PDB file of N, CA and C in Angstrom:
ATOM      1  N   MET A   1      -1.556   5.887  21.919  1.00  0.00           N
ATOM      2  CA  MET A   1      -0.924   6.554  20.793  1.00  0.00           C
ATOM      3  C   MET A   1      -2.011   7.248  19.981  1.00  0.00           C
ATOM      4  N   GLU A   2      -1.746   8.431  19.579  1.00  0.00           N
ATOM      5  CA  GLU A   2      -2.698   9.213  18.792  1.00  0.00           C
ATOM      6  C   GLU A   2      -2.978   8.526  17.454  1.00  0.00           C
ATOM      7  N   LYS A   3      -4.252   8.577  17.023  1.00  0.00           N
ATOM      8  CA  LYS A   3      -4.715   7.864  15.827  1.00  0.00           C
ATOM      9  C   LYS A   3      -3.920   8.233  14.565  1.00  0.00           C
ATOM     10  N   ASN A   4      -3.719   9.514  14.315  1.00  0.00           N
ATOM     11  CA  ASN A   4      -3.020   9.938  13.092  1.00  0.00           C
ATOM     12  C   ASN A   4      -1.564   9.496  13.089  1.00  0.00           C
ATOM     13  N   ARG A   5      -0.929   9.572  14.234  1.00  0.00           N
ATOM     14  CA  ARG A   5       0.466   9.129  14.317  1.00  0.00           C
ATOM     15  C   ARG A   5       0.564   7.632  14.067  1.00  0.00           C
ATOM     16  N   LEU A   6      -0.355   6.885  14.635  1.00  0.00           N
ATOM     17  CA  LEU A   6      -0.379   5.437  14.426  1.00  0.00           C
ATOM     18  C   LEU A   6      -0.612   5.124  12.945  1.00  0.00           C
ATOM     19  N   LEU A   7      -1.524   5.844  12.309  1.00  0.00           N
ATOM     20  CA  LEU A   7      -1.794   5.637  10.885  1.00  0.00           C
ATOM     21  C   LEU A   7      -0.521   5.832  10.064  1.00  0.00           C
ATOM     22  N   HIS A   8       0.183   6.921  10.316  1.00  0.00           N
ATOM     23  CA  HIS A   8       1.424   7.200   9.583  1.00  0.00           C
ATOM     24  C   HIS A   8       2.470   6.117   9.844  1.00  0.00           C
ATOM     25  N   GLU A   9       2.623   5.710  11.085  1.00  0.00           N
ATOM     26  CA  GLU A   9       3.615   4.688  11.413  1.00  0.00           C
ATOM     27  C   GLU A   9       3.324   3.367  10.710  1.00  0.00           C
ATOM     28  N   VAL A  10       2.059   2.972  10.700  1.00  0.00           N
ATOM     29  CA  VAL A  10       1.689   1.714  10.064  1.00  0.00           C
ATOM     30  C   VAL A  10       1.881   1.802   8.549  1.00  0.00           C
ATOM     31  N   VAL A  11       1.470   2.910   7.942  1.00  0.00           N
ATOM     32  CA  VAL A  11       1.611   3.081   6.494  1.00  0.00           C
ATOM     33  C   VAL A  11       3.078   3.001   6.084  1.00  0.00           C
ATOM     34  N   PHE A  12       3.945   3.702   6.808  1.00  0.00           N
ATOM     35  CA  PHE A  12       5.370   3.696   6.452  1.00  0.00           C
ATOM     36  C   PHE A  12       6.034   2.356   6.769  1.00  0.00           C
ATOM     37  N   SER A  13       5.644   1.722   7.855  1.00  0.00           N
ATOM     38  CA  SER A  13       6.192   0.391   8.166  1.00  0.00           C
ATOM     39  C   SER A  13       5.786  -0.620   7.101  1.00  0.00           C
ATOM     40  N   ALA A  14       4.556  -0.531   6.633  1.00  0.00           N
ATOM     41  CA  ALA A  14       4.084  -1.435   5.584  1.00  0.00           C
ATOM     42  C   ALA A  14       4.816  -1.175   4.267  1.00  0.00           C
ATOM     43  N   LEU A  15       5.085   0.096   3.959  1.00  0.00           N
ATOM     44  CA  LEU A  15       5.863   0.416   2.755  1.00  0.00           C
ATOM     45  C   LEU A  15       7.260  -0.189   2.847  1.00  0.00           C
ATOM     46  N   GLU A  16       7.877  -0.052   4.002  1.00  0.00           N
ATOM     47  CA  GLU A  16       9.217  -0.608   4.202  1.00  0.00           C
ATOM     48  C   GLU A  16       9.207  -2.124   4.029  1.00  0.00           C
ATOM     49  N   ALA A  17       8.215  -2.784   4.628  1.00  0.00           N
ATOM     50  CA  ALA A  17       8.113  -4.242   4.511  1.00  0.00           C
ATOM     51  C   ALA A  17       7.848  -4.658   3.065  1.00  0.00           C
ATOM     52  N   TYR A  18       6.979  -3.925   2.395  1.00  0.00           N
ATOM     53  CA  TYR A  18       6.669  -4.231   0.997  1.00  0.00           C
ATOM     54  C   TYR A  18       7.935  -4.144   0.144  1.00  0.00           C
ATOM     55  N   ASN A  19       8.631  -3.028   0.266  1.00  0.00           N
ATOM     56  CA  ASN A  19       9.824  -2.821  -0.557  1.00  0.00           C
ATOM     57  C   ASN A  19      10.933  -3.817  -0.230  1.00  0.00           C
ATOM     58  N   LYS A  20      11.027  -4.193   1.022  1.00  0.00           N
ATOM     59  CA  LYS A  20      12.053  -5.148   1.429  1.00  0.00           C
ATOM     60  C   LYS A  20      11.798  -6.521   0.817  1.00  0.00           C
ATOM     61  N   THR A  21      10.535  -6.899   0.710  1.00  0.00           N
ATOM     62  CA  THR A  21      10.207  -8.241   0.234  1.00  0.00           C
ATOM     63  C   THR A  21       9.852  -8.313  -1.246  1.00  0.00           C
ATOM     64  N   ARG A  22       9.522  -7.192  -1.872  1.00  0.00           N
ATOM     65  CA  ARG A  22       9.071  -7.229  -3.272  1.00  0.00           C
ATOM     66  C   ARG A  22      10.072  -6.638  -4.270  1.00  0.00           C
ATOM     67  N   SER A  23      11.021  -5.862  -3.793  1.00  0.00           N
ATOM     68  CA  SER A  23      11.980  -5.215  -4.679  1.00  0.00           C
ATOM     69  C   SER A  23      12.998  -6.245  -5.158  1.00  0.00           C
ATOM     70  N   PRO A  24      13.457  -6.206  -6.364  1.00  0.00           N
ATOM     71  CA  PRO A  24      13.361  -5.136  -7.361  1.00  0.00           C
ATOM     72  C   PRO A  24      12.178  -5.278  -8.311  1.00  0.00           C
ATOM     73  N   GLU A  25      11.388  -6.372  -8.210  1.00  0.00           N
ATOM     74  CA  GLU A  25      10.262  -6.535  -9.131  1.00  0.00           C
ATOM     75  C   GLU A  25       9.219  -5.438  -8.962  1.00  0.00           C
ATOM     76  N   ALA A  26       9.051  -4.958  -7.733  1.00  0.00           N
ATOM     77  CA  ALA A  26       8.091  -3.881  -7.467  1.00  0.00           C
ATOM     78  C   ALA A  26       8.557  -3.083  -6.256  1.00  0.00           C
ATOM     79  N   THR A  27       8.361  -1.777  -6.333  1.00  0.00           N
ATOM     80  CA  THR A  27       8.616  -0.906  -5.187  1.00  0.00           C
ATOM     81  C   THR A  27       7.404   0.000  -5.004  1.00  0.00           C
ATOM     82  N   ALA A  28       7.166   0.374  -3.760  1.00  0.00           N
ATOM     83  CA  ALA A  28       6.012   1.203  -3.415  1.00  0.00           C
ATOM     84  C   ALA A  28       6.491   2.531  -2.857  1.00  0.00           C
ATOM     85  N   ARG A  29       5.727   3.592  -3.196  1.00  0.00           N
ATOM     86  CA  ARG A  29       6.043   4.937  -2.724  1.00  0.00           C
ATOM     87  C   ARG A  29       4.738   5.617  -2.340  1.00  0.00           C
ATOM     88  N   LEU A  30       4.727   6.217  -1.158  1.00  0.00           N
ATOM     89  CA  LEU A  30       3.537   6.920  -0.699  1.00  0.00           C
ATOM     90  C   LEU A  30       3.294   8.157  -1.548  1.00  0.00           C
ATOM     91  N   VAL A  31       2.067   8.327  -2.008  1.00  0.00           N
ATOM     92  CA  VAL A  31       1.661   9.519  -2.738  1.00  0.00           C
ATOM     93  C   VAL A  31       0.926  10.464  -1.792  1.00  0.00           C
ATOM     94  N   SER A  32      -0.036   9.902  -1.020  1.00  0.00           N
ATOM     95  CA  SER A  32      -0.774  10.754  -0.085  1.00  0.00           C
ATOM     96  C   SER A  32      -1.489   9.923   0.972  1.00  0.00           C
ATOM     97  N   ILE A  33      -1.782  10.602   2.091  1.00  0.00           N
ATOM     98  CA  ILE A  33      -2.592  10.035   3.169  1.00  0.00           C
ATOM     99  C   ILE A  33      -3.658  11.061   3.506  1.00  0.00           C
ATOM    100  N   SER A  34      -4.900  10.620   3.549  1.00  0.00           N
ATOM    101  CA  SER A  34      -5.982  11.470   4.037  1.00  0.00           C
ATOM    102  C   SER A  34      -6.357  10.948   5.420  1.00  0.00           C
ATOM    103  N   GLU A  35      -5.937  11.669   6.439  1.00  0.00           N
ATOM    104  CA  GLU A  35      -6.164  11.222   7.813  1.00  0.00           C
ATOM    105  C   GLU A  35      -7.644  11.225   8.173  1.00  0.00           C
ATOM    106  N   GLU A  36      -8.414  12.129   7.583  1.00  0.00           N
ATOM    107  CA  GLU A  36      -9.829  12.241   7.917  1.00  0.00           C
ATOM    108  C   GLU A  36     -10.618  10.987   7.554  1.00  0.00           C
ATOM    109  N   ASP A  37     -10.330  10.420   6.376  1.00  0.00           N
ATOM    110  CA  ASP A  37     -11.106   9.263   5.941  1.00  0.00           C
ATOM    111  C   ASP A  37     -10.285   7.986   5.780  1.00  0.00           C
ATOM    112  N   GLY A  38      -8.997   8.026   6.131  1.00  0.00           N
ATOM    113  CA  GLY A  38      -8.163   6.833   6.081  1.00  0.00           C
ATOM    114  C   GLY A  38      -7.841   6.352   4.683  1.00  0.00           C
ATOM    115  N   ILE A  39      -7.797   7.264   3.723  1.00  0.00           N
ATOM    116  CA  ILE A  39      -7.460   6.901   2.349  1.00  0.00           C
ATOM    117  C   ILE A  39      -5.963   7.089   2.142  1.00  0.00           C
ATOM    118  N   VAL A  40      -5.327   6.057   1.634  1.00  0.00           N
ATOM    119  CA  VAL A  40      -3.892   6.071   1.373  1.00  0.00           C
ATOM    120  C   VAL A  40      -3.685   5.755  -0.110  1.00  0.00           C
ATOM    121  N   VAL A  41      -2.912   6.610  -0.792  1.00  0.00           N
ATOM    122  CA  VAL A  41      -2.610   6.410  -2.210  1.00  0.00           C
ATOM    123  C   VAL A  41      -1.131   6.054  -2.314  1.00  0.00           C
ATOM    124  N   VAL A  42      -0.867   4.933  -2.984  1.00  0.00           N
ATOM    125  CA  VAL A  42       0.494   4.427  -3.124  1.00  0.00           C
ATOM    126  C   VAL A  42       0.768   4.171  -4.604  1.00  0.00           C
ATOM    127  N   GLU A  43       1.956   4.614  -5.038  1.00  0.00           N
ATOM    128  CA  GLU A  43       2.395   4.328  -6.407  1.00  0.00           C
ATOM    129  C   GLU A  43       3.314   3.116  -6.376  1.00  0.00           C
ATOM    130  N   PHE A  44       3.067   2.194  -7.282  1.00  0.00           N
ATOM    131  CA  PHE A  44       3.870   0.986  -7.414  1.00  0.00           C
ATOM    132  C   PHE A  44       4.590   1.045  -8.744  1.00  0.00           C
ATOM    133  N   GLU A  45       5.882   0.740  -8.706  1.00  0.00           N
ATOM    134  CA  GLU A  45       6.672   0.793  -9.924  1.00  0.00           C
ATOM    135  C   GLU A  45       7.551  -0.437  -9.990  1.00  0.00           C
ATOM    136  N   GLY A  46       7.691  -0.977 -11.188  1.00  0.00           N
ATOM    137  CA  GLY A  46       8.577  -2.104 -11.369  1.00  0.00           C
ATOM    138  C   GLY A  46       8.193  -2.935 -12.571  1.00  0.00           C
ATOM    139  N   SER A  47       8.933  -3.996 -12.767  1.00  0.00           N
ATOM    140  CA  SER A  47       8.636  -4.905 -13.873  1.00  0.00           C
ATOM    141  C   SER A  47       7.518  -5.863 -13.491  1.00  0.00           C
ATOM    142  N   PHE A  48       7.282  -6.039 -12.181  1.00  0.00           N
ATOM    143  CA  PHE A  48       6.274  -6.943 -11.639  1.00  0.00           C
ATOM    144  C   PHE A  48       6.492  -8.346 -12.200  1.00  0.00           C
ATOM    145  N   CYS A  49       5.705  -9.247 -11.801  1.00  0.00           N
ATOM    146  CA  CYS A  49       5.675 -10.581 -12.386  1.00  0.00           C
ATOM    147  C   CYS A  49       4.361 -10.637 -13.135  1.00  0.00           C
ATOM    148  N   LEU A  50       4.399 -10.376 -14.409  1.00  0.00           N
ATOM    149  CA  LEU A  50       3.165 -10.216 -15.176  1.00  0.00           C
ATOM    150  C   LEU A  50       2.325 -11.486 -15.216  1.00  0.00           C
ATOM    151  N   THR A  51       2.932 -12.638 -15.044  1.00  0.00           N
ATOM    152  CA  THR A  51       2.148 -13.862 -15.040  1.00  0.00           C
ATOM    153  C   THR A  51       1.297 -13.976 -13.782  1.00  0.00           C
ATOM    154  N   CYS A  52       1.685 -13.276 -12.706  1.00  0.00           N
ATOM    155  CA  CYS A  52       0.923 -13.305 -11.460  1.00  0.00           C
ATOM    156  C   CYS A  52      -0.270 -12.351 -11.514  1.00  0.00           C
ATOM    157  N   GLY A  53      -0.206 -11.366 -12.381  1.00  0.00           N
ATOM    158  CA  GLY A  53      -1.231 -10.329 -12.420  1.00  0.00           C
ATOM    159  C   GLY A  53      -0.731  -9.129 -11.643  1.00  0.00           C
ATOM    160  N   VAL A  54      -0.635  -8.004 -12.312  1.00  0.00           N
ATOM    161  CA  VAL A  54      -0.082  -6.802 -11.683  1.00  0.00           C
ATOM    162  C   VAL A  54      -0.944  -6.355 -10.515  1.00  0.00           C
ATOM    163  N   ARG A  55      -2.257  -6.487 -10.625  1.00  0.00           N
ATOM    164  CA  ARG A  55      -3.138  -6.075  -9.536  1.00  0.00           C
ATOM    165  C   ARG A  55      -2.791  -6.813  -8.234  1.00  0.00           C
ATOM    166  N   ASP A  56      -2.371  -8.066  -8.347  1.00  0.00           N
ATOM    167  CA  ASP A  56      -1.982  -8.840  -7.162  1.00  0.00           C
ATOM    168  C   ASP A  56      -0.817  -8.183  -6.432  1.00  0.00           C
ATOM    169  N   TRP A  57       0.116  -7.611  -7.191  1.00  0.00           N
ATOM    170  CA  TRP A  57       1.265  -6.934  -6.577  1.00  0.00           C
ATOM    171  C   TRP A  57       0.799  -5.728  -5.777  1.00  0.00           C
ATOM    172  N   VAL A  58      -0.206  -5.040  -6.276  1.00  0.00           N
ATOM    173  CA  VAL A  58      -0.753  -3.869  -5.573  1.00  0.00           C
ATOM    174  C   VAL A  58      -1.532  -4.323  -4.345  1.00  0.00           C
ATOM    175  N   GLU A  59      -2.353  -5.340  -4.494  1.00  0.00           N
ATOM    176  CA  GLU A  59      -3.154  -5.846  -3.368  1.00  0.00           C
ATOM    177  C   GLU A  59      -2.293  -6.371  -2.226  1.00  0.00           C
ATOM    178  N   ASP A  60      -1.087  -6.815  -2.531  1.00  0.00           N
ATOM    179  CA  ASP A  60      -0.182  -7.303  -1.481  1.00  0.00           C
ATOM    180  C   ASP A  60       0.039  -6.262  -0.384  1.00  0.00           C
ATOM    181  N   TYR A  61       0.004  -4.985  -0.754  1.00  0.00           N
ATOM    182  CA  TYR A  61       0.198  -3.935   0.258  1.00  0.00           C
ATOM    183  C   TYR A  61      -0.919  -3.986   1.304  1.00  0.00           C
ATOM    184  N   ALA A  62      -2.148  -4.243   0.889  1.00  0.00           N
ATOM    185  CA  ALA A  62      -3.263  -4.360   1.842  1.00  0.00           C
ATOM    186  C   ALA A  62      -3.052  -5.546   2.782  1.00  0.00           C
ATOM    187  N   TYR A  63      -2.511  -6.643   2.261  1.00  0.00           N
ATOM    188  CA  TYR A  63      -2.249  -7.808   3.115  1.00  0.00           C
ATOM    189  C   TYR A  63      -1.192  -7.486   4.174  1.00  0.00           C
ATOM    190  N   ILE A  64      -0.190  -6.724   3.789  1.00  0.00           N
ATOM    191  CA  ILE A  64       0.830  -6.328   4.755  1.00  0.00           C
ATOM    192  C   ILE A  64       0.217  -5.434   5.824  1.00  0.00           C
ATOM    193  N   LEU A  65      -0.607  -4.476   5.413  1.00  0.00           N
ATOM    194  CA  LEU A  65      -1.281  -3.610   6.390  1.00  0.00           C
ATOM    195  C   LEU A  65      -2.131  -4.435   7.357  1.00  0.00           C
ATOM    196  N   ARG A  66      -2.834  -5.416   6.840  1.00  0.00           N
ATOM    197  CA  ARG A  66      -3.670  -6.271   7.703  1.00  0.00           C
ATOM    198  C   ARG A  66      -2.817  -7.028   8.711  1.00  0.00           C
ATOM    199  N   SER A  67      -1.650  -7.483   8.275  1.00  0.00           N
ATOM    200  CA  SER A  67      -0.773  -8.214   9.192  1.00  0.00           C
ATOM    201  C   SER A  67      -0.249  -7.307  10.297  1.00  0.00           C
ATOM    202  N   MET A  68      -0.354  -5.994  10.095  1.00  0.00           N
ATOM    203  CA  MET A  68       0.099  -5.012  11.087  1.00  0.00           C
ATOM    204  C   MET A  68      -1.059  -4.473  11.921  1.00  0.00           C
ATOM    205  N   GLY A  69      -2.229  -5.071  11.814  1.00  0.00           N
ATOM    206  CA  GLY A  69      -3.350  -4.708  12.667  1.00  0.00           C
ATOM    207  C   GLY A  69      -4.326  -3.708  12.094  1.00  0.00           C
ATOM    208  N   CYS A  70      -4.269  -3.451  10.799  1.00  0.00           N
ATOM    209  CA  CYS A  70      -5.226  -2.526  10.168  1.00  0.00           C
ATOM    210  C   CYS A  70      -6.245  -3.310   9.356  1.00  0.00           C
ATOM    211  N   GLU A  71      -7.460  -2.827   9.368  1.00  0.00           N
ATOM    212  CA  GLU A  71      -8.422  -3.311   8.395  1.00  0.00           C
ATOM    213  C   GLU A  71      -8.164  -2.478   7.159  1.00  0.00           C
ATOM    214  N   ALA A  72      -7.688  -3.111   6.114  1.00  0.00           N
ATOM    215  CA  ALA A  72      -7.286  -2.393   4.907  1.00  0.00           C
ATOM    216  C   ALA A  72      -7.831  -3.112   3.689  1.00  0.00           C
ATOM    217  N   ARG A  73      -8.249  -2.310   2.714  1.00  0.00           N
ATOM    218  CA  ARG A  73      -8.708  -2.897   1.460  1.00  0.00           C
ATOM    219  C   ARG A  73      -8.363  -1.974   0.309  1.00  0.00           C
ATOM    220  N   LEU A  74      -8.101  -2.582  -0.815  1.00  0.00           N
ATOM    221  CA  LEU A  74      -7.851  -1.846  -2.049  1.00  0.00           C
ATOM    222  C   LEU A  74      -9.209  -1.415  -2.587  1.00  0.00           C
ATOM    223  N   ILE A  75      -9.426  -0.109  -2.695  1.00  0.00           N
ATOM    224  CA  ILE A  75     -10.718   0.366  -3.196  1.00  0.00           C
ATOM    225  C   ILE A  75     -10.653   0.825  -4.645  1.00  0.00           C
ATOM    226  N   GLU A  76      -9.443   1.092  -5.128  1.00  0.00           N
ATOM    227  CA  GLU A  76      -9.292   1.475  -6.530  1.00  0.00           C
ATOM    228  C   GLU A  76      -7.880   1.135  -6.999  1.00  0.00           C
ATOM    229  N   TYR A  77      -7.825   0.702  -8.239  1.00  0.00           N
ATOM    230  CA  TYR A  77      -6.566   0.332  -8.881  1.00  0.00           C
ATOM    231  C   TYR A  77      -6.516   1.082 -10.201  1.00  0.00           C
ATOM    232  N   ARG A  78      -5.408   1.772 -10.445  1.00  0.00           N
ATOM    233  CA  ARG A  78      -5.295   2.553 -11.680  1.00  0.00           C
ATOM    234  C   ARG A  78      -3.983   2.262 -12.391  1.00  0.00           C
ATOM    235  N   GLU A  79      -4.091   2.112 -13.693  1.00  0.00           N
ATOM    236  CA  GLU A  79      -2.904   2.089 -14.523  1.00  0.00           C
ATOM    237  C   GLU A  79      -2.615   3.543 -14.862  1.00  0.00           C
ATOM    238  N   THR A  80      -1.364   3.936 -14.817  1.00  0.00           N
ATOM    239  CA  THR A  80      -1.021   5.348 -14.973  1.00  0.00           C
ATOM    240  C   THR A  80      -0.588   5.670 -16.393  1.00  0.00           C
ATOM    241  N   GLY A  81      -1.557   5.720 -17.281  1.00  0.00           N
ATOM    242  CA  GLY A  81      -1.282   6.134 -18.651  1.00  0.00           C
ATOM    243  C   GLY A  81      -0.511   5.103 -19.445  1.00  0.00           C
ATOM    244  N   ASP A  82       0.465   5.581 -20.180  1.00  0.00           N
ATOM    245  CA  ASP A  82       1.213   4.737 -21.102  1.00  0.00           C
ATOM    246  C   ASP A  82       2.354   3.969 -20.440  1.00  0.00           C
ATOM    247  N   ASN A  83       2.625   4.255 -19.172  1.00  0.00           N
ATOM    248  CA  ASN A  83       3.762   3.623 -18.513  1.00  0.00           C
ATOM    249  C   ASN A  83       3.332   2.280 -17.928  1.00  0.00           C
ATOM    250  N   GLU A  84       3.756   1.193 -18.565  1.00  0.00           N
ATOM    251  CA  GLU A  84       3.350  -0.127 -18.098  1.00  0.00           C
ATOM    252  C   GLU A  84       4.039  -0.544 -16.805  1.00  0.00           C
ATOM    253  N   PHE A  85       4.983   0.267 -16.335  1.00  0.00           N
ATOM    254  CA  PHE A  85       5.729  -0.078 -15.134  1.00  0.00           C
ATOM    255  C   PHE A  85       5.241   0.647 -13.887  1.00  0.00           C
ATOM    256  N   LYS A  86       4.169   1.445 -13.986  1.00  0.00           N
ATOM    257  CA  LYS A  86       3.647   2.174 -12.822  1.00  0.00           C
ATOM    258  C   LYS A  86       2.153   1.923 -12.662  1.00  0.00           C
ATOM    259  N   ARG A  87       1.754   1.754 -11.411  1.00  0.00           N
ATOM    260  CA  ARG A  87       0.349   1.573 -11.056  1.00  0.00           C
ATOM    261  C   ARG A  87       0.066   2.373  -9.791  1.00  0.00           C
ATOM    262  N   LEU A  88      -1.185   2.764  -9.597  1.00  0.00           N
ATOM    263  CA  LEU A  88      -1.607   3.412  -8.354  1.00  0.00           C
ATOM    264  C   LEU A  88      -2.579   2.495  -7.639  1.00  0.00           C
ATOM    265  N   GLY A  89      -2.409   2.400  -6.337  1.00  0.00           N
ATOM    266  CA  GLY A  89      -3.349   1.692  -5.495  1.00  0.00           C
ATOM    267  C   GLY A  89      -3.932   2.677  -4.501  1.00  0.00           C
ATOM    268  N   ILE A  90      -5.257   2.682  -4.388  1.00  0.00           N
ATOM    269  CA  ILE A  90      -5.930   3.540  -3.419  1.00  0.00           C
ATOM    270  C   ILE A  90      -6.569   2.615  -2.388  1.00  0.00           C
ATOM    271  N   PHE A  91      -6.147   2.802  -1.153  1.00  0.00           N
ATOM    272  CA  PHE A  91      -6.523   1.904  -0.068  1.00  0.00           C
ATOM    273  C   PHE A  91      -7.353   2.638   0.970  1.00  0.00           C
ATOM    274  N   LYS A  92      -8.293   1.917   1.575  1.00  0.00           N
ATOM    275  CA  LYS A  92      -9.085   2.432   2.693  1.00  0.00           C
ATOM    276  C   LYS A  92      -8.628   1.684   3.935  1.00  0.00           C
ATOM    277  N   LEU A  93      -8.185   2.445   4.931  1.00  0.00           N
ATOM    278  CA  LEU A  93      -7.725   1.851   6.191  1.00  0.00           C
ATOM    279  C   LEU A  93      -8.688   2.214   7.311  1.00  0.00           C
ATOM    280  N   ASP A  94      -8.995   1.226   8.123  1.00  0.00           N
ATOM    281  CA  ASP A  94      -9.853   1.402   9.291  1.00  0.00           C
ATOM    282  C   ASP A  94      -9.228   0.646  10.450  1.00  0.00           C
ATOM    283  N   LEU A  95      -9.478   1.131  11.611  1.00  0.00           N
ATOM    284  CA  LEU A  95      -9.137   0.401  12.837  1.00  0.00           C
ATOM    285  C   LEU A  95      -7.703  -0.066  12.904  1.00  0.00           C
ATOM    286  N   CYS A  96      -6.759   0.822  12.680  1.00  0.00           N
ATOM    287  CA  CYS A  96      -5.355   0.477  12.889  1.00  0.00           C
ATOM    288  C   CYS A  96      -5.127   0.400  14.394  1.00  0.00           C
ATOM    289  N   LYS A  97      -4.660  -0.752  14.831  1.00  0.00           N
ATOM    290  CA  LYS A  97      -4.498  -0.996  16.271  1.00  0.00           C
ATOM    291  C   LYS A  97      -3.043  -0.903  16.665  1.00  0.00           C
ATOM    292  N   GLN A  98      -2.839  -0.418  17.835  1.00  0.00           N
ATOM    293  CA  GLN A  98      -1.478  -0.337  18.378  1.00  0.00           C
ATOM    294  C   GLN A  98      -0.999  -1.732  18.690  1.00  0.00           C
ATOM    295  N   GLY A  99       0.238  -2.003  18.318  1.00  0.00           N
ATOM    296  CA  GLY A  99       0.833  -3.320  18.593  1.00  0.00           C
ATOM    297  C   GLY A  99       0.984  -3.543  20.082  1.00  0.00           C
ATOM    298  N   ASP A 100       1.053  -4.824  20.463  1.00  0.00           N
ATOM    299  CA  ASP A 100       1.189  -5.170  21.902  1.00  0.00           C
ATOM    300  C   ASP A 100       2.597  -4.952  22.383  1.00  0.00           C
TER     301      ASP A 100
END
């Protein structure tokens, strides 16, 4: 399977899994994918569970990607201005492997 196609499939499958298991407290939406360097930007929106730490909700997306065979890490976390219900996660993905 071509690398870019696999990257897109894994990113969207992880978004689907995230939203299925985290909604309505948090939902994720793809903002952008840079195929050249494996950077994925995702917007997270919701009430979150503030006692858990909002950053943890964002980092969960990297754990889902890892469970799908990608080396993924959160490289930047941003609060988006005055809206306490939106966050951006910037992830670096490497070595996404085709499933067996």
